[in-house]
Amino acid sequence: MANLIVRNIDDKIVDALKAQAGKHGRSAEAEHRRILESALLRPRKKSFTEALQNIPDVGTDADFERIDNDSDRDVFN
């Protein structure tokens, strides 16, 4: 495994890291590793295009056409 040195970190960030580590019962170093891992190795989010491509191809366009019913009242007036 590699070592990572991060310099010039604001004291407020270090204090927040230590506080968060304490809440989770870990060392600041272990908390730092967990934060880096969750930020960098989480699954990539799908793009909108990919999400649309994953929608199953079911039915026909006619199945989803709007049915105009003249008896419906106009809810905006």
PDB file of N, CA and C in Angstrom:
ATOM      1  N   MET A   1       0.840  -1.179   0.000  1.00  0.00           N
ATOM      2  CA  MET A   1       0.000   0.000   0.000  1.00  0.00           C
ATOM      3  C   MET A   1       0.884   1.240   0.000  1.00  0.00           C
ATOM      4  N   ALA A   2       0.345   2.286  -0.578  1.00  0.00           N
ATOM      5  CA  ALA A   2       1.071   3.547  -0.674  1.00  0.00           C
ATOM      6  C   ALA A   2       0.766   4.428   0.530  1.00  0.00           C
ATOM      7  N   ASN A   3       1.620   5.407   0.736  1.00  0.00           N
ATOM      8  CA  ASN A   3       1.402   6.426   1.761  1.00  0.00           C
ATOM      9  C   ASN A   3       1.025   7.715   1.074  1.00  0.00           C
ATOM     10  N   LEU A   4       0.189   8.494   1.727  1.00  0.00           N
ATOM     11  CA  LEU A   4      -0.274   9.758   1.175  1.00  0.00           C
ATOM     12  C   LEU A   4      -0.046  10.843   2.213  1.00  0.00           C
ATOM     13  N   ILE A   5       0.649  11.881   1.834  1.00  0.00           N
ATOM     14  CA  ILE A   5       0.880  13.014   2.724  1.00  0.00           C
ATOM     15  C   ILE A   5       0.117  14.207   2.155  1.00  0.00           C
ATOM     16  N   VAL A   6      -0.690  14.820   2.998  1.00  0.00           N
ATOM     17  CA  VAL A   6      -1.461  15.988   2.588  1.00  0.00           C
ATOM     18  C   VAL A   6      -0.981  17.162   3.425  1.00  0.00           C
ATOM     19  N   ARG A   7      -0.475  18.173   2.768  1.00  0.00           N
ATOM     20  CA  ARG A   7       0.075  19.333   3.465  1.00  0.00           C
ATOM     21  C   ARG A   7      -0.880  20.516   3.392  1.00  0.00           C
ATOM     22  N   ASN A   8      -0.647  21.477   4.302  1.00  0.00           N
ATOM     23  CA  ASN A   8      -1.365  22.756   4.320  1.00  0.00           C
ATOM     24  C   ASN A   8      -2.876  22.591   4.440  1.00  0.00           C
ATOM     25  N   ILE A   9      -3.288  21.743   5.363  1.00  0.00           N
ATOM     26  CA  ILE A   9      -4.713  21.556   5.637  1.00  0.00           C
ATOM     27  C   ILE A   9      -5.122  22.531   6.729  1.00  0.00           C
ATOM     28  N   ASP A  10      -6.198  23.233   6.521  1.00  0.00           N
ATOM     29  CA  ASP A  10      -6.705  24.189   7.491  1.00  0.00           C
ATOM     30  C   ASP A  10      -7.000  23.478   8.812  1.00  0.00           C
ATOM     31  N   ASP A  11      -6.701  24.125   9.917  1.00  0.00           N
ATOM     32  CA  ASP A  11      -6.926  23.537  11.236  1.00  0.00           C
ATOM     33  C   ASP A  11      -8.383  23.162  11.466  1.00  0.00           C
ATOM     34  N   LYS A  12      -9.311  23.918  10.895  1.00  0.00           N
ATOM     35  CA  LYS A  12     -10.735  23.615  11.054  1.00  0.00           C
ATOM     36  C   LYS A  12     -11.071  22.262  10.424  1.00  0.00           C
ATOM     37  N   ILE A  13     -10.445  21.959   9.299  1.00  0.00           N
ATOM     38  CA  ILE A  13     -10.684  20.686   8.619  1.00  0.00           C
ATOM     39  C   ILE A  13     -10.123  19.539   9.451  1.00  0.00           C
ATOM     40  N   VAL A  14      -8.926  19.744   9.990  1.00  0.00           N
ATOM     41  CA  VAL A  14      -8.312  18.712  10.830  1.00  0.00           C
ATOM     42  C   VAL A  14      -9.174  18.460  12.068  1.00  0.00           C
ATOM     43  N   ASP A  15      -9.652  19.529  12.692  1.00  0.00           N
ATOM     44  CA  ASP A  15     -10.504  19.382  13.872  1.00  0.00           C
ATOM     45  C   ASP A  15     -11.799  18.647  13.529  1.00  0.00           C
ATOM     46  N   ALA A  16     -12.389  18.980  12.390  1.00  0.00           N
ATOM     47  CA  ALA A  16     -13.621  18.314  11.964  1.00  0.00           C
ATOM     48  C   ALA A  16     -13.364  16.835  11.681  1.00  0.00           C
ATOM     49  N   LEU A  17     -12.223  16.527  11.077  1.00  0.00           N
ATOM     50  CA  LEU A  17     -11.861  15.136  10.798  1.00  0.00           C
ATOM     51  C   LEU A  17     -11.715  14.362  12.102  1.00  0.00           C
ATOM     52  N   LYS A  18     -11.033  14.943  13.059  1.00  0.00           N
ATOM     53  CA  LYS A  18     -10.837  14.275  14.344  1.00  0.00           C
ATOM     54  C   LYS A  18     -12.159  14.078  15.071  1.00  0.00           C
ATOM     55  N   ALA A  19     -13.043  15.071  15.014  1.00  0.00           N
ATOM     56  CA  ALA A  19     -14.349  14.962  15.662  1.00  0.00           C
ATOM     57  C   ALA A  19     -15.185  13.867  15.011  1.00  0.00           C
ATOM     58  N   GLN A  20     -15.179  13.834  13.703  1.00  0.00           N
ATOM     59  CA  GLN A  20     -15.946  12.814  12.988  1.00  0.00           C
ATOM     60  C   GLN A  20     -15.375  11.433  13.270  1.00  0.00           C
ATOM     61  N   ALA A  21     -14.055  11.322  13.311  1.00  0.00           N
ATOM     62  CA  ALA A  21     -13.408  10.041  13.618  1.00  0.00           C
ATOM     63  C   ALA A  21     -13.818   9.571  15.006  1.00  0.00           C
ATOM     64  N   GLY A  22     -13.846  10.494  15.962  1.00  0.00           N
ATOM     65  CA  GLY A  22     -14.245  10.142  17.322  1.00  0.00           C
ATOM     66  C   GLY A  22     -15.670   9.628  17.385  1.00  0.00           C
ATOM     67  N   LYS A  23     -16.563  10.248  16.620  1.00  0.00           N
ATOM     68  CA  LYS A  23     -17.963   9.808  16.590  1.00  0.00           C
ATOM     69  C   LYS A  23     -18.088   8.383  16.047  1.00  0.00           C
ATOM     70  N   HIS A  24     -17.183   8.039  15.125  1.00  0.00           N
ATOM     71  CA  HIS A  24     -17.233   6.709  14.505  1.00  0.00           C
ATOM     72  C   HIS A  24     -16.309   5.709  15.196  1.00  0.00           C
ATOM     73  N   GLY A  25     -15.630   6.142  16.254  1.00  0.00           N
ATOM     74  CA  GLY A  25     -14.742   5.237  16.991  1.00  0.00           C
ATOM     75  C   GLY A  25     -13.512   4.825  16.200  1.00  0.00           C
ATOM     76  N   ARG A  26     -13.006   5.724  15.377  1.00  0.00           N
ATOM     77  CA  ARG A  26     -11.827   5.439  14.559  1.00  0.00           C
ATOM     78  C   ARG A  26     -10.762   6.494  14.803  1.00  0.00           C
ATOM     79  N   SER A  27      -9.562   6.181  14.367  1.00  0.00           N
ATOM     80  CA  SER A  27      -8.505   7.185  14.391  1.00  0.00           C
ATOM     81  C   SER A  27      -8.760   8.177  13.259  1.00  0.00           C
ATOM     82  N   ALA A  28      -8.132   9.332  13.351  1.00  0.00           N
ATOM     83  CA  ALA A  28      -8.268  10.325  12.279  1.00  0.00           C
ATOM     84  C   ALA A  28      -7.743   9.755  10.965  1.00  0.00           C
ATOM     85  N   GLU A  29      -6.684   8.986  11.034  1.00  0.00           N
ATOM     86  CA  GLU A  29      -6.114   8.381   9.827  1.00  0.00           C
ATOM     87  C   GLU A  29      -7.087   7.383   9.201  1.00  0.00           C
ATOM     88  N   ALA A  30      -7.720   6.553  10.030  1.00  0.00           N
ATOM     89  CA  ALA A  30      -8.690   5.587   9.521  1.00  0.00           C
ATOM     90  C   ALA A  30      -9.907   6.306   8.930  1.00  0.00           C
ATOM     91  N   GLU A  31     -10.322   7.382   9.584  1.00  0.00           N
ATOM     92  CA  GLU A  31     -11.454   8.159   9.066  1.00  0.00           C
ATOM     93  C   GLU A  31     -11.101   8.792   7.729  1.00  0.00           C
ATOM     94  N   HIS A  32      -9.893   9.291   7.618  1.00  0.00           N
ATOM     95  CA  HIS A  32      -9.418   9.883   6.370  1.00  0.00           C
ATOM     96  C   HIS A  32      -9.443   8.844   5.250  1.00  0.00           C
ATOM     97  N   ARG A  33      -8.989   7.631   5.537  1.00  0.00           N
ATOM     98  CA  ARG A  33      -9.016   6.555   4.529  1.00  0.00           C
ATOM     99  C   ARG A  33     -10.454   6.254   4.106  1.00  0.00           C
ATOM    100  N   ARG A  34     -11.380   6.185   5.090  1.00  0.00           N
ATOM    101  CA  ARG A  34     -12.776   5.891   4.774  1.00  0.00           C
ATOM    102  C   ARG A  34     -13.388   6.978   3.902  1.00  0.00           C
ATOM    103  N   ILE A  35     -13.082   8.239   4.205  1.00  0.00           N
ATOM    104  CA  ILE A  35     -13.622   9.355   3.422  1.00  0.00           C
ATOM    105  C   ILE A  35     -13.099   9.299   1.985  1.00  0.00           C
ATOM    106  N   LEU A  36     -11.812   9.072   1.835  1.00  0.00           N
ATOM    107  CA  LEU A  36     -11.232   8.984   0.491  1.00  0.00           C
ATOM    108  C   LEU A  36     -11.827   7.811  -0.287  1.00  0.00           C
ATOM    109  N   GLU A  37     -11.961   6.678   0.387  1.00  0.00           N
ATOM    110  CA  GLU A  37     -12.520   5.505  -0.279  1.00  0.00           C
ATOM    111  C   GLU A  37     -13.954   5.744  -0.732  1.00  0.00           C
ATOM    112  N   SER A  38     -14.780   6.300   0.142  1.00  0.00           N
ATOM    113  CA  SER A  38     -16.178   6.509  -0.223  1.00  0.00           C
ATOM    114  C   SER A  38     -16.333   7.570  -1.308  1.00  0.00           C
ATOM    115  N   ALA A  39     -15.438   8.559  -1.314  1.00  0.00           N
ATOM    116  CA  ALA A  39     -15.530   9.621  -2.321  1.00  0.00           C
ATOM    117  C   ALA A  39     -15.010   9.176  -3.677  1.00  0.00           C
ATOM    118  N   LEU A  40     -14.011   8.317  -3.689  1.00  0.00           N
ATOM    119  CA  LEU A  40     -13.349   7.994  -4.944  1.00  0.00           C
ATOM    120  C   LEU A  40     -13.701   6.635  -5.522  1.00  0.00           C
ATOM    121  N   LEU A  41     -14.171   5.716  -4.689  1.00  0.00           N
ATOM    122  CA  LEU A  41     -14.423   4.363  -5.184  1.00  0.00           C
ATOM    123  C   LEU A  41     -15.893   3.982  -5.195  1.00  0.00           C
ATOM    124  N   ARG A  42     -16.781   4.930  -4.939  1.00  0.00           N
ATOM    125  CA  ARG A  42     -18.206   4.615  -4.987  1.00  0.00           C
ATOM    126  C   ARG A  42     -18.602   4.370  -6.441  1.00  0.00           C
ATOM    127  N   PRO A  43     -19.668   3.615  -6.644  1.00  0.00           N
ATOM    128  CA  PRO A  43     -20.099   3.336  -8.015  1.00  0.00           C
ATOM    129  C   PRO A  43     -20.417   4.632  -8.769  1.00  0.00           C
ATOM    130  N   ARG A  44     -20.048   4.656 -10.019  1.00  0.00           N
ATOM    131  CA  ARG A  44     -20.313   5.815 -10.859  1.00  0.00           C
ATOM    132  C   ARG A  44     -21.808   5.920 -11.109  1.00  0.00           C
ATOM    133  N   LYS A  45     -22.320   7.134 -11.022  1.00  0.00           N
ATOM    134  CA  LYS A  45     -23.735   7.349 -11.285  1.00  0.00           C
ATOM    135  C   LYS A  45     -23.989   7.253 -12.780  1.00  0.00           C
ATOM    136  N   LYS A  46     -25.153   6.708 -13.126  1.00  0.00           N
ATOM    137  CA  LYS A  46     -25.530   6.613 -14.531  1.00  0.00           C
ATOM    138  C   LYS A  46     -25.912   7.990 -15.046  1.00  0.00           C
ATOM    139  N   SER A  47     -25.594   8.229 -16.303  1.00  0.00           N
ATOM    140  CA  SER A  47     -26.038   9.467 -16.936  1.00  0.00           C
ATOM    141  C   SER A  47     -27.527   9.338 -17.249  1.00  0.00           C
ATOM    142  N   PHE A  48     -28.153  10.452 -17.547  1.00  0.00           N
ATOM    143  CA  PHE A  48     -29.570  10.435 -17.897  1.00  0.00           C
ATOM    144  C   PHE A  48     -29.800   9.560 -19.122  1.00  0.00           C
ATOM    145  N   THR A  49     -28.894   9.652 -20.086  1.00  0.00           N
ATOM    146  CA  THR A  49     -29.003   8.847 -21.305  1.00  0.00           C
ATOM    147  C   THR A  49     -28.935   7.360 -20.971  1.00  0.00           C
ATOM    148  N   GLU A  50     -27.993   6.977 -20.092  1.00  0.00           N
ATOM    149  CA  GLU A  50     -27.876   5.564 -19.705  1.00  0.00           C
ATOM    150  C   GLU A  50     -29.128   5.081 -18.978  1.00  0.00           C
ATOM    151  N   ALA A  51     -29.691   5.931 -18.131  1.00  0.00           N
ATOM    152  CA  ALA A  51     -30.908   5.564 -17.413  1.00  0.00           C
ATOM    153  C   ALA A  51     -32.058   5.342 -18.389  1.00  0.00           C
ATOM    154  N   LEU A  52     -32.180   6.220 -19.377  1.00  0.00           N
ATOM    155  CA  LEU A  52     -33.240   6.055 -20.380  1.00  0.00           C
ATOM    156  C   LEU A  52     -33.037   4.790 -21.203  1.00  0.00           C
ATOM    157  N   GLN A  53     -31.791   4.481 -21.521  1.00  0.00           N
ATOM    158  CA  GLN A  53     -31.507   3.286 -22.313  1.00  0.00           C
ATOM    159  C   GLN A  53     -31.821   2.004 -21.553  1.00  0.00           C
ATOM    160  N   ASN A  54     -31.853   2.077 -20.224  1.00  0.00           N
ATOM    161  CA  ASN A  54     -32.130   0.896 -19.418  1.00  0.00           C
ATOM    162  C   ASN A  54     -33.617   0.669 -19.150  1.00  0.00           C
ATOM    163  N   ILE A  55     -34.467   1.575 -19.639  1.00  0.00           N
ATOM    164  CA  ILE A  55     -35.903   1.383 -19.482  1.00  0.00           C
ATOM    165  C   ILE A  55     -36.328   0.261 -20.420  1.00  0.00           C
ATOM    166  N   PRO A  56     -37.053  -0.726 -19.916  1.00  0.00           N
ATOM    167  CA  PRO A  56     -37.443  -1.842 -20.787  1.00  0.00           C
ATOM    168  C   PRO A  56     -38.368  -1.389 -21.908  1.00  0.00           C
ATOM    169  N   ASP A  57     -38.242  -2.029 -23.041  1.00  0.00           N
ATOM    170  CA  ASP A  57     -39.055  -1.716 -24.212  1.00  0.00           C
ATOM    171  C   ASP A  57     -40.330  -2.551 -24.132  1.00  0.00           C
ATOM    172  N   VAL A  58     -41.369  -1.969 -23.545  1.00  0.00           N
ATOM    173  CA  VAL A  58     -42.630  -2.694 -23.391  1.00  0.00           C
ATOM    174  C   VAL A  58     -43.760  -1.891 -24.006  1.00  0.00           C
ATOM    175  N   GLY A  59     -44.714  -2.583 -24.554  1.00  0.00           N
ATOM    176  CA  GLY A  59     -45.882  -1.922 -25.111  1.00  0.00           C
ATOM    177  C   GLY A  59     -45.577  -1.175 -26.399  1.00  0.00           C
ATOM    178  N   THR A  60     -46.600  -0.494 -26.880  1.00  0.00           N
ATOM    179  CA  THR A  60     -46.461   0.330 -28.075  1.00  0.00           C
ATOM    180  C   THR A  60     -46.823   1.752 -27.697  1.00  0.00           C
ATOM    181  N   ASP A  61     -46.531   2.684 -28.572  1.00  0.00           N
ATOM    182  CA  ASP A  61     -46.858   4.082 -28.291  1.00  0.00           C
ATOM    183  C   ASP A  61     -48.355   4.255 -28.043  1.00  0.00           C
ATOM    184  N   ALA A  62     -49.160   3.475 -28.745  1.00  0.00           N
ATOM    185  CA  ALA A  62     -50.607   3.587 -28.587  1.00  0.00           C
ATOM    186  C   ALA A  62     -51.047   3.225 -27.167  1.00  0.00           C
ATOM    187  N   ASP A  63     -50.303   2.358 -26.506  1.00  0.00           N
ATOM    188  CA  ASP A  63     -50.644   1.983 -25.133  1.00  0.00           C
ATOM    189  C   ASP A  63     -50.540   3.171 -24.180  1.00  0.00           C
ATOM    190  N   PHE A  64     -49.770   4.172 -24.548  1.00  0.00           N
ATOM    191  CA  PHE A  64     -49.513   5.292 -23.658  1.00  0.00           C
ATOM    192  C   PHE A  64     -50.125   6.605 -24.136  1.00  0.00           C
ATOM    193  N   GLU A  65     -50.947   6.532 -25.175  1.00  0.00           N
ATOM    194  CA  GLU A  65     -51.577   7.739 -25.682  1.00  0.00           C
ATOM    195  C   GLU A  65     -52.609   8.251 -24.692  1.00  0.00           C
ATOM    196  N   ARG A  66     -52.744   9.566 -24.641  1.00  0.00           N
ATOM    197  CA  ARG A  66     -53.720  10.191 -23.757  1.00  0.00           C
ATOM    198  C   ARG A  66     -55.124  10.019 -24.351  1.00  0.00           C
ATOM    199  N   ILE A  67     -56.031   9.678 -23.496  1.00  0.00           N
ATOM    200  CA  ILE A  67     -57.425   9.532 -23.926  1.00  0.00           C
ATOM    201  C   ILE A  67     -58.130  10.838 -23.602  1.00  0.00           C
ATOM    202  N   ASP A  68     -58.598  11.517 -24.638  1.00  0.00           N
ATOM    203  CA  ASP A  68     -59.336  12.760 -24.428  1.00  0.00           C
ATOM    204  C   ASP A  68     -60.779  12.423 -24.091  1.00  0.00           C
ATOM    205  N   ASN A  69     -61.200  12.928 -22.976  1.00  0.00           N
ATOM    206  CA  ASN A  69     -62.562  12.700 -22.532  1.00  0.00           C
ATOM    207  C   ASN A  69     -63.190  14.068 -22.310  1.00  0.00           C
ATOM    208  N   ASP A  70     -64.121  14.447 -23.155  1.00  0.00           N
ATOM    209  CA  ASP A  70     -64.733  15.774 -23.090  1.00  0.00           C
ATOM    210  C   ASP A  70     -65.506  15.994 -21.780  1.00  0.00           C
ATOM    211  N   SER A  71     -65.853  14.937 -21.092  1.00  0.00           N
ATOM    212  CA  SER A  71     -66.637  15.087 -19.856  1.00  0.00           C
ATOM    213  C   SER A  71     -65.750  15.490 -18.676  1.00  0.00           C
ATOM    214  N   ASP A  72     -64.439  15.432 -18.853  1.00  0.00           N
ATOM    215  CA  ASP A  72     -63.545  15.855 -17.766  1.00  0.00           C
ATOM    216  C   ASP A  72     -63.692  17.341 -17.560  1.00  0.00           C
ATOM    217  N   ARG A  73     -63.778  17.753 -16.307  1.00  0.00           N
ATOM    218  CA  ARG A  73     -63.899  19.189 -16.034  1.00  0.00           C
ATOM    219  C   ARG A  73     -62.515  19.836 -16.076  1.00  0.00           C
ATOM    220  N   ASP A  74     -62.493  21.104 -16.368  1.00  0.00           N
ATOM    221  CA  ASP A  74     -61.256  21.868 -16.426  1.00  0.00           C
ATOM    222  C   ASP A  74     -60.899  22.273 -14.997  1.00  0.00           C
ATOM    223  N   VAL A  75     -59.871  21.691 -14.447  1.00  0.00           N
ATOM    224  CA  VAL A  75     -59.517  21.928 -13.053  1.00  0.00           C
ATOM    225  C   VAL A  75     -58.839  23.274 -12.840  1.00  0.00           C
ATOM    226  N   PHE A  76     -58.482  23.958 -13.913  1.00  0.00           N
ATOM    227  CA  PHE A  76     -57.797  25.237 -13.790  1.00  0.00           C
ATOM    228  C   PHE A  76     -58.736  26.438 -13.874  1.00  0.00           C
ATOM    229  N   ASN A  77     -59.983  26.204 -14.148  1.00  0.00           N
ATOM    230  CA  ASN A  77     -60.970  27.300 -14.234  1.00  0.00           C
ATOM    231  C   ASN A  77     -62.089  27.105 -13.245  1.00  0.00           C
TER     232      ASN A  77
END
